[in-house]
Amino acid sequence: MTVKSLALCLCLTLFFAVSAVAGVVNLSAAVSLKDALTELADTFTKRNPAVTFRTNFGASGALAKQIENGAPADLFFSANVEWMDYLKQKKLVDDKSSAPFAFNELVFVGKPGLAVTGLPDVVKLERVAIGSPSSVPAGDYAMQALKKAGIDTQMEQKLVMARDVRACLTYADRGEVDGAFVYKTDALLAKNARILFTVPQKFYPRVTYPMALMPAGVKNGDAVAFVRFLRSTETRQVLLKYGFIDR
């Protein structure tokens, strides 16, 4: 074998060795899924050590806009169907893989002992945090609840807009606001704030988290394998542990 042939063989060997290393899975998800998805991704990588996840957690609307503008994404998890539909309209989602992943509830949190037991009581407060409705599904759900309860006008000057639902929780936990509308799963992470009441379901659409592969994800075997894992009974148990509703 000539030196040139040996060099070619070596190059091919190195190429296939690198190719054999599993690729990266780019995951964009609503921040309220952060803890559950981080645990699920860690479990998956323990069983598939060559797989690496690059996670991007934030407000669903902000993530959708990033994907539209070319941000790398193999998988997208939204906190409502609207932002998933937005990407579908842009032909940036694999329709066949789109399916509900989890469900949640909207609650109101504040200081323990605060005399707030339902939506009518919220008008008594001075500062209430919600996620910006234009990009944060939790904020949109909260605004719909306020409107349906007929108190949105009274709350206009009292609302403190946050970049995402976790920021709302932080404001309430630090006492920077009197209370905040967040998901039940976020409220369970609070150190100081407590759930004062659960917003009745009749006031807002059910909190649904759809997931879907992006076109790049369809071609990524590791992303496809992760989606299969996310449809397992094991995944449902993790979601329940973090307070999500799986049906």
C-alpha atoms as a PDB file:
ATOM      1  CA  MET A   1       0.000   0.000   0.000  1.00  0.00           C
ATOM      2  CA  THR A   2       1.396   3.379  -0.995  1.00  0.00           C
ATOM      3  CA  VAL A   3       1.873   6.298   1.363  1.00  0.00           C
ATOM      4  CA  LYS A   4      -0.946   8.074  -0.450  1.00  0.00           C
ATOM      5  CA  SER A   5      -3.264   5.102   0.057  1.00  0.00           C
ATOM      6  CA  LEU A   6      -2.348   4.907   3.737  1.00  0.00           C
ATOM      7  CA  ALA A   7      -3.049   8.592   4.151  1.00  0.00           C
ATOM      8  CA  LEU A   8      -6.415   8.181   2.425  1.00  0.00           C
ATOM      9  CA  CYS A   9      -7.319   5.233   4.661  1.00  0.00           C
ATOM     10  CA  LEU A  10      -6.323   7.217   7.731  1.00  0.00           C
ATOM     11  CA  CYS A  11      -8.463  10.160   6.643  1.00  0.00           C
ATOM     12  CA  LEU A  12     -11.442   7.913   5.991  1.00  0.00           C
ATOM     13  CA  THR A  13     -10.978   6.182   9.342  1.00  0.00           C
ATOM     14  CA  LEU A  14     -10.903   9.510  11.146  1.00  0.00           C
ATOM     15  CA  PHE A  15     -13.933  10.721   9.192  1.00  0.00           C
ATOM     16  CA  PHE A  16     -16.051   7.720  10.083  1.00  0.00           C
ATOM     17  CA  ALA A  17     -14.823   7.798  13.678  1.00  0.00           C
ATOM     18  CA  VAL A  18     -16.042  11.379  13.980  1.00  0.00           C
ATOM     19  CA  SER A  19     -19.260  10.503  12.159  1.00  0.00           C
ATOM     20  CA  ALA A  20     -19.859   7.664  14.597  1.00  0.00           C
ATOM     21  CA  VAL A  21     -20.023  10.127  17.453  1.00  0.00           C
ATOM     22  CA  ALA A  22     -23.679  10.886  17.996  1.00  0.00           C
ATOM     23  CA  GLY A  23     -24.681  14.406  17.123  1.00  0.00           C
ATOM     24  CA  VAL A  24     -26.167  17.306  18.977  1.00  0.00           C
ATOM     25  CA  VAL A  25     -29.865  17.745  19.710  1.00  0.00           C
ATOM     26  CA  ASN A  26     -30.963  21.379  19.744  1.00  0.00           C
ATOM     27  CA  LEU A  27     -33.953  21.692  22.033  1.00  0.00           C
ATOM     28  CA  SER A  28     -36.061  24.859  22.349  1.00  0.00           C
ATOM     29  CA  ALA A  29     -38.746  24.752  25.039  1.00  0.00           C
ATOM     30  CA  ALA A  30     -41.040  26.843  27.193  1.00  0.00           C
ATOM     31  CA  VAL A  31     -39.180  27.744  30.378  1.00  0.00           C
ATOM     32  CA  SER A  32     -41.866  26.128  32.540  1.00  0.00           C
ATOM     33  CA  LEU A  33     -40.680  22.776  31.176  1.00  0.00           C
ATOM     34  CA  LYS A  34     -37.054  23.417  32.116  1.00  0.00           C
ATOM     35  CA  ASP A  35     -36.744  21.163  35.164  1.00  0.00           C
ATOM     36  CA  ALA A  36     -38.693  18.236  33.728  1.00  0.00           C
ATOM     37  CA  LEU A  37     -36.989  18.321  30.333  1.00  0.00           C
ATOM     38  CA  THR A  38     -33.546  18.737  31.894  1.00  0.00           C
ATOM     39  CA  GLU A  39     -34.085  15.574  33.929  1.00  0.00           C
ATOM     40  CA  LEU A  40     -35.429  13.694  30.911  1.00  0.00           C
ATOM     41  CA  ALA A  41     -32.505  14.808  28.745  1.00  0.00           C
ATOM     42  CA  ASP A  42     -30.042  13.771  31.466  1.00  0.00           C
ATOM     43  CA  THR A  43     -31.639  10.335  31.686  1.00  0.00           C
ATOM     44  CA  PHE A  44     -31.466   9.972  27.914  1.00  0.00           C
ATOM     45  CA  THR A  45     -27.795  10.974  27.738  1.00  0.00           C
ATOM     46  CA  LYS A  46     -26.880   8.519  30.496  1.00  0.00           C
ATOM     47  CA  ARG A  47     -28.189   5.765  28.263  1.00  0.00           C
ATOM     48  CA  ASN A  48     -26.749   7.368  25.133  1.00  0.00           C
ATOM     49  CA  PRO A  49     -23.465   8.938  26.312  1.00  0.00           C
ATOM     50  CA  ALA A  50     -22.509  10.293  22.906  1.00  0.00           C
ATOM     51  CA  VAL A  51     -25.609  12.466  22.646  1.00  0.00           C
ATOM     52  CA  THR A  52     -25.346  16.126  23.622  1.00  0.00           C
ATOM     53  CA  PHE A  53     -28.294  18.445  24.225  1.00  0.00           C
ATOM     54  CA  ARG A  54     -28.145  22.153  23.569  1.00  0.00           C
ATOM     55  CA  THR A  55     -31.107  23.604  25.391  1.00  0.00           C
ATOM     56  CA  ASN A  56     -32.779  26.947  24.906  1.00  0.00           C
ATOM     57  CA  PHE A  57     -35.503  27.738  27.449  1.00  0.00           C
ATOM     58  CA  GLY A  58     -37.620  30.868  27.326  1.00  0.00           C
ATOM     59  CA  ALA A  59     -40.999  32.350  26.456  1.00  0.00           C
ATOM     60  CA  SER A  60     -42.713  30.313  23.742  1.00  0.00           C
ATOM     61  CA  GLY A  61     -43.285  33.330  21.511  1.00  0.00           C
ATOM     62  CA  ALA A  62     -39.668  34.463  21.764  1.00  0.00           C
ATOM     63  CA  LEU A  63     -38.452  30.950  20.926  1.00  0.00           C
ATOM     64  CA  ALA A  64     -40.787  30.674  17.948  1.00  0.00           C
ATOM     65  CA  LYS A  65     -39.488  33.964  16.584  1.00  0.00           C
ATOM     66  CA  GLN A  66     -35.895  32.793  17.072  1.00  0.00           C
ATOM     67  CA  ILE A  67     -36.633  29.600  15.130  1.00  0.00           C
ATOM     68  CA  GLU A  68     -38.309  31.641  12.396  1.00  0.00           C
ATOM     69  CA  ASN A  69     -35.165  33.754  12.178  1.00  0.00           C
ATOM     70  CA  GLY A  70     -32.931  30.726  11.728  1.00  0.00           C
ATOM     71  CA  ALA A  71     -31.959  29.667  15.244  1.00  0.00           C
ATOM     72  CA  PRO A  72     -30.953  25.968  15.278  1.00  0.00           C
ATOM     73  CA  ALA A  73     -33.733  23.755  16.617  1.00  0.00           C
ATOM     74  CA  ASP A  74     -34.457  20.055  16.293  1.00  0.00           C
ATOM     75  CA  LEU A  75     -37.306  20.012  18.804  1.00  0.00           C
ATOM     76  CA  PHE A  76     -39.737  22.693  19.929  1.00  0.00           C
ATOM     77  CA  PHE A  77     -42.006  22.607  22.989  1.00  0.00           C
ATOM     78  CA  SER A  78     -44.539  25.418  23.308  1.00  0.00           C
ATOM     79  CA  ALA A  79     -46.678  26.316  26.311  1.00  0.00           C
ATOM     80  CA  ASN A  80     -49.663  26.812  24.031  1.00  0.00           C
ATOM     81  CA  VAL A  81     -50.867  25.585  20.651  1.00  0.00           C
ATOM     82  CA  GLU A  82     -50.857  29.079  19.132  1.00  0.00           C
ATOM     83  CA  TRP A  83     -47.075  29.402  18.870  1.00  0.00           C
ATOM     84  CA  MET A  84     -46.751  25.876  17.524  1.00  0.00           C
ATOM     85  CA  ASP A  85     -49.403  26.720  14.924  1.00  0.00           C
ATOM     86  CA  TYR A  86     -47.464  29.884  14.113  1.00  0.00           C
ATOM     87  CA  LEU A  87     -44.424  27.819  13.135  1.00  0.00           C
ATOM     88  CA  LYS A  88     -46.606  25.337  11.258  1.00  0.00           C
ATOM     89  CA  GLN A  89     -47.914  28.179   9.120  1.00  0.00           C
ATOM     90  CA  LYS A  90     -44.309  29.105   8.371  1.00  0.00           C
ATOM     91  CA  LYS A  91     -43.641  25.500   7.290  1.00  0.00           C
ATOM     92  CA  LEU A  92     -41.037  25.161  10.058  1.00  0.00           C
ATOM     93  CA  VAL A  93     -42.606  22.174  11.831  1.00  0.00           C
ATOM     94  CA  ASP A  94     -42.919  18.514  10.937  1.00  0.00           C
ATOM     95  CA  ASP A  95     -46.703  18.082  11.212  1.00  0.00           C
ATOM     96  CA  LYS A  96     -46.523  14.302  11.592  1.00  0.00           C
ATOM     97  CA  SER A  97     -44.507  14.555  14.801  1.00  0.00           C
ATOM     98  CA  SER A  98     -46.645  17.290  16.399  1.00  0.00           C
ATOM     99  CA  ALA A  99     -48.536  16.052  19.470  1.00  0.00           C
ATOM    100  CA  PRO A 100     -49.537  17.134  22.991  1.00  0.00           C
ATOM    101  CA  PHE A 101     -46.719  16.552  25.473  1.00  0.00           C
ATOM    102  CA  ALA A 102     -48.160  17.720  28.791  1.00  0.00           C
ATOM    103  CA  PHE A 103     -50.803  19.888  30.449  1.00  0.00           C
ATOM    104  CA  ASN A 104     -50.714  22.420  33.286  1.00  0.00           C
ATOM    105  CA  GLU A 105     -52.855  24.690  35.461  1.00  0.00           C
ATOM    106  CA  LEU A 106     -52.792  28.435  36.088  1.00  0.00           C
ATOM    107  CA  VAL A 107     -52.519  29.499  39.730  1.00  0.00           C
ATOM    108  CA  PHE A 108     -52.050  32.709  41.676  1.00  0.00           C
ATOM    109  CA  VAL A 109     -49.143  32.910  44.128  1.00  0.00           C
ATOM    110  CA  GLY A 110     -48.274  35.391  46.857  1.00  0.00           C
ATOM    111  CA  LYS A 111     -47.271  35.744  50.486  1.00  0.00           C
ATOM    112  CA  PRO A 112     -48.690  33.114  52.834  1.00  0.00           C
ATOM    113  CA  GLY A 113     -51.700  34.502  54.651  1.00  0.00           C
ATOM    114  CA  LEU A 114     -52.515  37.128  52.022  1.00  0.00           C
ATOM    115  CA  ALA A 115     -56.309  37.533  51.914  1.00  0.00           C
ATOM    116  CA  VAL A 116     -56.707  36.487  48.298  1.00  0.00           C
ATOM    117  CA  THR A 117     -58.827  33.433  47.564  1.00  0.00           C
ATOM    118  CA  GLY A 118     -60.119  34.077  44.053  1.00  0.00           C
ATOM    119  CA  LEU A 119     -59.996  36.358  41.029  1.00  0.00           C
ATOM    120  CA  PRO A 120     -62.293  39.048  42.541  1.00  0.00           C
ATOM    121  CA  ASP A 121     -59.767  39.545  45.357  1.00  0.00           C
ATOM    122  CA  VAL A 122     -56.898  40.339  42.987  1.00  0.00           C
ATOM    123  CA  VAL A 123     -58.246  43.841  42.372  1.00  0.00           C
ATOM    124  CA  LYS A 124     -57.410  44.703  45.990  1.00  0.00           C
ATOM    125  CA  LEU A 125     -53.701  44.330  45.275  1.00  0.00           C
ATOM    126  CA  GLU A 126     -51.322  47.026  44.029  1.00  0.00           C
ATOM    127  CA  ARG A 127     -48.820  45.086  41.914  1.00  0.00           C
ATOM    128  CA  VAL A 128     -49.496  41.795  40.144  1.00  0.00           C
ATOM    129  CA  ALA A 129     -47.014  40.095  37.819  1.00  0.00           C
ATOM    130  CA  ILE A 130     -47.954  38.304  34.620  1.00  0.00           C
ATOM    131  CA  GLY A 131     -45.892  37.210  31.662  1.00  0.00           C
ATOM    132  CA  SER A 132     -46.081  39.586  28.705  1.00  0.00           C
ATOM    133  CA  PRO A 133     -49.207  38.282  26.895  1.00  0.00           C
ATOM    134  CA  SER A 134     -47.730  38.924  23.456  1.00  0.00           C
ATOM    135  CA  SER A 135     -45.018  36.289  23.898  1.00  0.00           C
ATOM    136  CA  VAL A 136     -45.646  34.436  27.172  1.00  0.00           C
ATOM    137  CA  PRO A 137     -48.529  31.940  27.076  1.00  0.00           C
ATOM    138  CA  ALA A 138     -48.959  32.068  30.872  1.00  0.00           C
ATOM    139  CA  GLY A 139     -49.507  35.809  30.579  1.00  0.00           C
ATOM    140  CA  ASP A 140     -51.980  35.305  27.759  1.00  0.00           C
ATOM    141  CA  TYR A 141     -53.904  32.756  29.830  1.00  0.00           C
ATOM    142  CA  ALA A 142     -53.903  35.153  32.794  1.00  0.00           C
ATOM    143  CA  MET A 143     -55.144  38.054  30.684  1.00  0.00           C
ATOM    144  CA  GLN A 144     -57.931  35.930  29.261  1.00  0.00           C
ATOM    145  CA  ALA A 145     -58.934  34.960  32.806  1.00  0.00           C
ATOM    146  CA  LEU A 146     -58.971  38.603  33.930  1.00  0.00           C
ATOM    147  CA  LYS A 147     -61.108  39.592  30.952  1.00  0.00           C
ATOM    148  CA  LYS A 148     -63.564  36.758  31.416  1.00  0.00           C
ATOM    149  CA  ALA A 149     -63.844  37.615  35.117  1.00  0.00           C
ATOM    150  CA  GLY A 150     -64.589  41.212  34.102  1.00  0.00           C
ATOM    151  CA  ILE A 151     -61.697  42.755  36.030  1.00  0.00           C
ATOM    152  CA  ASP A 152     -59.154  43.418  33.268  1.00  0.00           C
ATOM    153  CA  THR A 153     -59.858  47.172  33.164  1.00  0.00           C
ATOM    154  CA  GLN A 154     -59.436  47.466  36.931  1.00  0.00           C
ATOM    155  CA  MET A 155     -56.083  45.671  36.694  1.00  0.00           C
ATOM    156  CA  GLU A 156     -54.589  47.649  33.786  1.00  0.00           C
ATOM    157  CA  GLN A 157     -52.412  49.919  35.923  1.00  0.00           C
ATOM    158  CA  LYS A 158     -51.492  47.195  38.397  1.00  0.00           C
ATOM    159  CA  LEU A 159     -49.942  44.634  36.075  1.00  0.00           C
ATOM    160  CA  VAL A 160     -46.178  44.133  36.018  1.00  0.00           C
ATOM    161  CA  MET A 161     -45.073  42.472  32.784  1.00  0.00           C
ATOM    162  CA  ALA A 162     -42.356  39.819  32.944  1.00  0.00           C
ATOM    163  CA  ARG A 163     -40.255  38.268  30.197  1.00  0.00           C
ATOM    164  CA  ASP A 164     -41.403  34.737  31.086  1.00  0.00           C
ATOM    165  CA  VAL A 165     -43.348  32.808  33.699  1.00  0.00           C
ATOM    166  CA  ARG A 166     -40.274  32.054  35.825  1.00  0.00           C
ATOM    167  CA  ALA A 167     -39.579  35.783  36.099  1.00  0.00           C
ATOM    168  CA  CYS A 168     -43.146  36.202  37.408  1.00  0.00           C
ATOM    169  CA  LEU A 169     -42.462  33.613  40.065  1.00  0.00           C
ATOM    170  CA  THR A 170     -39.212  35.355  41.037  1.00  0.00           C
ATOM    171  CA  TYR A 171     -40.989  38.688  41.467  1.00  0.00           C
ATOM    172  CA  ALA A 172     -43.549  37.095  43.791  1.00  0.00           C
ATOM    173  CA  ASP A 173     -40.977  35.027  45.655  1.00  0.00           C
ATOM    174  CA  ARG A 174     -38.872  38.112  46.401  1.00  0.00           C
ATOM    175  CA  GLY A 175     -41.894  40.151  47.432  1.00  0.00           C
ATOM    176  CA  GLU A 176     -41.375  42.626  44.594  1.00  0.00           C
ATOM    177  CA  VAL A 177     -45.054  42.260  43.712  1.00  0.00           C
ATOM    178  CA  ASP A 178     -48.096  41.343  45.777  1.00  0.00           C
ATOM    179  CA  GLY A 179     -48.738  38.265  43.699  1.00  0.00           C
ATOM    180  CA  ALA A 180     -48.301  36.639  40.304  1.00  0.00           C
ATOM    181  CA  PHE A 181     -50.089  34.394  37.848  1.00  0.00           C
ATOM    182  CA  VAL A 182     -47.900  31.354  37.142  1.00  0.00           C
ATOM    183  CA  TYR A 183     -48.264  27.689  36.330  1.00  0.00           C
ATOM    184  CA  LYS A 184     -48.789  25.212  39.125  1.00  0.00           C
ATOM    185  CA  THR A 185     -45.491  23.527  38.222  1.00  0.00           C
ATOM    186  CA  ASP A 186     -43.615  26.814  38.708  1.00  0.00           C
ATOM    187  CA  ALA A 187     -45.404  27.565  41.971  1.00  0.00           C
ATOM    188  CA  LEU A 188     -44.139  24.283  43.411  1.00  0.00           C
ATOM    189  CA  LEU A 189     -40.584  25.643  43.048  1.00  0.00           C
ATOM    190  CA  ALA A 190     -41.227  28.799  45.101  1.00  0.00           C
ATOM    191  CA  LYS A 191     -39.226  29.348  48.276  1.00  0.00           C
ATOM    192  CA  ASN A 192     -41.452  31.976  49.908  1.00  0.00           C
ATOM    193  CA  ALA A 193     -44.573  32.491  47.821  1.00  0.00           C
ATOM    194  CA  ARG A 194     -47.452  30.050  48.117  1.00  0.00           C
ATOM    195  CA  ILE A 195     -50.390  29.088  45.931  1.00  0.00           C
ATOM    196  CA  LEU A 196     -53.293  31.252  47.080  1.00  0.00           C
ATOM    197  CA  PHE A 197     -55.823  29.893  44.596  1.00  0.00           C
ATOM    198  CA  THR A 198     -56.116  27.927  41.387  1.00  0.00           C
ATOM    199  CA  VAL A 199     -57.703  29.863  38.536  1.00  0.00           C
ATOM    200  CA  PRO A 200     -60.929  28.023  37.584  1.00  0.00           C
ATOM    201  CA  GLN A 201     -60.591  26.317  34.209  1.00  0.00           C
ATOM    202  CA  LYS A 202     -63.719  28.049  32.878  1.00  0.00           C
ATOM    203  CA  PHE A 203     -61.797  31.334  32.719  1.00  0.00           C
ATOM    204  CA  TYR A 204     -59.078  30.289  30.255  1.00  0.00           C
ATOM    205  CA  PRO A 205     -58.214  27.593  27.680  1.00  0.00           C
ATOM    206  CA  ARG A 206     -56.546  24.443  28.928  1.00  0.00           C
ATOM    207  CA  VAL A 207     -52.784  24.864  29.236  1.00  0.00           C
ATOM    208  CA  THR A 208     -51.489  22.498  26.570  1.00  0.00           C
ATOM    209  CA  TYR A 209     -47.829  21.879  25.711  1.00  0.00           C
ATOM    210  CA  PRO A 210     -47.434  20.592  22.155  1.00  0.00           C
ATOM    211  CA  MET A 211     -44.089  19.247  20.989  1.00  0.00           C
ATOM    212  CA  ALA A 212     -42.823  18.697  17.463  1.00  0.00           C
ATOM    213  CA  LEU A 213     -39.725  17.989  15.467  1.00  0.00           C
ATOM    214  CA  MET A 214     -38.409  20.727  13.244  1.00  0.00           C
ATOM    215  CA  PRO A 215     -37.305  19.834   9.689  1.00  0.00           C
ATOM    216  CA  ALA A 216     -33.711  19.541  10.935  1.00  0.00           C
ATOM    217  CA  GLY A 217     -34.876  17.261  13.749  1.00  0.00           C
ATOM    218  CA  VAL A 218     -36.532  14.833  11.346  1.00  0.00           C
ATOM    219  CA  LYS A 219     -33.078  14.211   9.865  1.00  0.00           C
ATOM    220  CA  ASN A 220     -31.445  13.929  13.296  1.00  0.00           C
ATOM    221  CA  GLY A 221     -31.649  10.321  14.484  1.00  0.00           C
ATOM    222  CA  ASP A 222     -30.904  11.287  18.075  1.00  0.00           C
ATOM    223  CA  ALA A 223     -33.741  13.832  18.117  1.00  0.00           C
ATOM    224  CA  VAL A 224     -36.123  11.228  16.712  1.00  0.00           C
ATOM    225  CA  ALA A 225     -34.984   8.709  19.332  1.00  0.00           C
ATOM    226  CA  PHE A 226     -35.500  11.281  22.094  1.00  0.00           C
ATOM    227  CA  VAL A 227     -39.064  11.887  20.906  1.00  0.00           C
ATOM    228  CA  ARG A 228     -39.734   8.151  21.162  1.00  0.00           C
ATOM    229  CA  PHE A 229     -38.371   8.230  24.717  1.00  0.00           C
ATOM    230  CA  LEU A 230     -40.623  11.191  25.551  1.00  0.00           C
ATOM    231  CA  ARG A 231     -43.657   9.097  24.661  1.00  0.00           C
ATOM    232  CA  SER A 232     -42.820   6.469  27.264  1.00  0.00           C
ATOM    233  CA  THR A 233     -44.452   5.681  30.599  1.00  0.00           C
ATOM    234  CA  GLU A 234     -41.207   6.708  32.287  1.00  0.00           C
ATOM    235  CA  THR A 235     -41.547  10.209  30.869  1.00  0.00           C
ATOM    236  CA  ARG A 236     -45.125  10.509  32.103  1.00  0.00           C
ATOM    237  CA  GLN A 237     -43.953   9.666  35.616  1.00  0.00           C
ATOM    238  CA  VAL A 238     -41.350  12.439  35.488  1.00  0.00           C
ATOM    239  CA  LEU A 239     -43.948  14.938  34.295  1.00  0.00           C
ATOM    240  CA  LEU A 240     -46.290  13.970  37.120  1.00  0.00           C
ATOM    241  CA  LYS A 241     -43.455  14.382  39.605  1.00  0.00           C
ATOM    242  CA  TYR A 242     -43.025  17.994  38.535  1.00  0.00           C
ATOM    243  CA  GLY A 243     -46.724  18.712  38.793  1.00  0.00           C
ATOM    244  CA  PHE A 244     -47.726  18.424  35.157  1.00  0.00           C
ATOM    245  CA  ILE A 245     -50.926  16.717  34.045  1.00  0.00           C
ATOM    246  CA  ASP A 246     -50.269  14.119  31.384  1.00  0.00           C
ATOM    247  CA  ARG A 247     -53.787  13.883  29.966  1.00  0.00           C
END
